[in-house]
């Protein structure tokens, strides 16, 4: 449900809630809605909890946010690295397969021009395989 600041408004248009409500507004909303009353009671409990309401400085908050951004960037970088590594591994695997096929073709006595066309290897690569 959403409550606008005009809590005397038409109750048929009550939608979703309290994200921007201050303590006074929440108390007013709690007078007209049991669900909000329960939320308001929970907020009061949390406000009385020293550990929960310990204030942090703006600098501390900014450090925490920056560390979260760094951690997210690291995670994304690792994921990209894994994908790139897999792709490079596939390419390397293809190149190794081409060379293995070329060796087999050489052992079968096929002409070098046929091997070069079939594998896509360069003359230098084929010479190294010999």
Protein backbone atom coordinates (compact mmCIF):
# COMPACT_ATOMS: atom_id res chain seq x y z
CA UNK A 1 0.00 0.00 0.00
CA UNK A 2 1.09 3.57 -0.52
CA UNK A 3 0.06 6.43 1.66
CA UNK A 4 0.41 10.01 0.58
CA UNK A 5 0.80 12.68 3.19
CA UNK A 6 -2.92 13.43 3.08
CA UNK A 7 -3.96 10.54 5.31
CA UNK A 8 -7.55 11.85 5.36
CA UNK A 9 -7.72 11.14 1.62
CA UNK A 10 -9.88 8.57 -0.13
CA UNK A 11 -9.07 5.12 1.33
CA UNK A 12 -9.93 3.42 -1.97
CA UNK A 13 -6.63 4.80 -3.35
CA UNK A 14 -4.25 3.60 -0.63
CA UNK A 15 -1.28 1.93 -2.38
CA UNK A 16 2.31 1.43 -1.00
CA UNK A 17 4.01 2.91 1.97
CA UNK A 18 6.30 4.75 4.22
CA UNK A 19 9.60 4.89 2.45
CA UNK A 20 9.72 8.63 2.93
CA UNK A 21 7.61 8.85 6.09
CA UNK A 22 9.25 10.52 9.05
CA UNK A 23 8.52 9.45 12.62
CA UNK A 24 5.60 11.88 13.04
CA UNK A 25 4.00 10.82 9.75
CA UNK A 26 4.43 7.16 10.63
CA UNK A 27 2.66 7.71 13.97
CA UNK A 28 -0.24 9.40 12.15
CA UNK A 29 -0.46 6.54 9.64
CA UNK A 30 -0.41 4.02 12.50
CA UNK A 31 -3.59 5.58 13.88
CA UNK A 32 -5.56 4.60 10.77
CA UNK A 33 -3.99 1.25 9.79
CA UNK A 34 -3.21 -1.87 11.87
CA UNK A 35 -0.40 -2.97 9.54
CA UNK A 36 1.28 0.42 9.81
CA UNK A 37 0.79 0.29 13.59
CA UNK A 38 2.84 -2.95 13.66
CA UNK A 39 5.53 -1.39 11.51
CA UNK A 40 5.58 1.72 13.68
CA UNK A 41 6.05 -0.45 16.80
CA UNK A 42 8.96 -2.27 15.16
CA UNK A 43 10.55 1.05 14.17
CA UNK A 44 10.25 2.23 17.77
CA UNK A 45 12.00 -0.96 18.99
CA UNK A 46 14.79 -0.43 16.48
CA UNK A 47 15.13 3.23 17.45
CA UNK A 48 15.59 2.13 21.07
CA UNK A 49 18.30 -0.38 20.06
CA UNK A 50 21.67 1.33 20.52
CA UNK A 51 23.53 -1.05 18.22
CA UNK A 52 20.99 -0.62 15.42
CA UNK A 53 20.81 3.15 15.56
CA UNK A 54 24.53 3.82 16.02
CA UNK A 55 25.17 6.72 13.76
CA UNK A 56 28.07 6.64 11.35
CA UNK A 57 29.75 9.70 10.00
CA UNK A 58 29.31 10.80 6.42
CA UNK A 59 32.94 9.83 5.78
CA UNK A 60 32.37 6.33 7.17
CA UNK A 61 29.27 5.93 5.04
CA UNK A 62 31.17 7.05 1.94
CA UNK A 63 34.00 4.59 2.72
CA UNK A 64 31.49 1.77 3.11
CA UNK A 65 29.78 2.69 -0.16
CA UNK A 66 33.12 2.95 -1.97
CA UNK A 67 34.19 -0.45 -0.63
CA UNK A 68 30.90 -1.92 -1.85
CA UNK A 69 31.54 -0.44 -5.31
CA UNK A 70 35.10 -1.81 -5.31
CA UNK A 71 33.88 -5.26 -4.28
CA UNK A 72 31.23 -5.23 -7.01
CA UNK A 73 33.80 -4.12 -9.60
CA UNK A 74 36.16 -6.90 -8.50
CA UNK A 75 33.38 -9.45 -8.79
CA UNK A 76 32.49 -8.21 -12.28
CA UNK A 77 36.18 -8.23 -13.27
CA UNK A 78 36.61 -11.80 -12.08
CA UNK A 79 33.50 -12.89 -13.99
CA UNK A 80 34.74 -11.17 -17.15
CA UNK A 81 38.17 -12.75 -16.69
CA UNK A 82 36.65 -16.20 -16.38
CA UNK A 83 34.60 -15.72 -19.55
CA UNK A 84 37.62 -14.37 -21.43
CA UNK A 85 39.79 -17.22 -20.16
CA UNK A 86 37.27 -19.78 -21.33
CA UNK A 87 37.10 -18.13 -24.76
CA UNK A 88 40.91 -17.96 -25.03
CA UNK A 89 41.13 -21.58 -23.91
CA UNK A 90 38.72 -22.58 -26.65
CA UNK A 91 40.79 -20.69 -29.24
CA UNK A 92 44.00 -22.24 -27.93
CA UNK A 93 42.33 -25.64 -28.02
CA UNK A 94 41.32 -25.11 -31.64
CA UNK A 95 44.89 -24.17 -32.58
CA UNK A 96 46.25 -27.25 -30.82
CA UNK A 97 43.69 -29.42 -32.62
CA UNK A 98 44.70 -27.94 -35.98
CA UNK A 99 48.33 -28.80 -35.27
CA UNK A 100 47.46 -32.34 -34.18
CA UNK A 101 45.40 -32.85 -37.34
CA UNK A 102 48.24 -31.46 -39.46
CA UNK A 103 50.69 -33.92 -37.82
CA UNK A 104 48.35 -36.79 -38.61
CA UNK A 105 48.02 -35.61 -42.20
CA UNK A 106 51.81 -35.38 -42.51
CA UNK A 107 52.13 -38.93 -41.19
CA UNK A 108 49.60 -40.06 -43.81
CA UNK A 109 51.81 -38.51 -46.47
CA UNK A 110 49.39 -35.88 -47.72
CA UNK A 111 50.74 -32.98 -49.74
CA UNK A 112 51.64 -29.85 -47.80
CA UNK A 113 49.32 -27.64 -49.86
CA UNK A 114 46.34 -29.84 -48.93
CA UNK A 115 47.34 -29.77 -45.25
CA UNK A 116 47.71 -25.97 -45.31
CA UNK A 117 44.29 -25.51 -46.92
CA UNK A 118 42.58 -28.03 -44.65
CA UNK A 119 44.02 -26.70 -41.37
CA UNK A 120 44.54 -23.03 -42.08
CA UNK A 121 48.07 -23.22 -40.66
CA UNK A 122 50.87 -21.10 -42.11
CA UNK A 123 53.86 -22.65 -43.91
CA UNK A 124 56.05 -21.67 -40.92
CA UNK A 125 53.74 -23.46 -38.46
CA UNK A 126 53.70 -26.55 -40.66
CA UNK A 127 57.52 -26.52 -40.92
CA UNK A 128 57.76 -26.43 -37.09
CA UNK A 129 55.51 -29.49 -36.91
CA UNK A 130 57.75 -31.47 -39.25
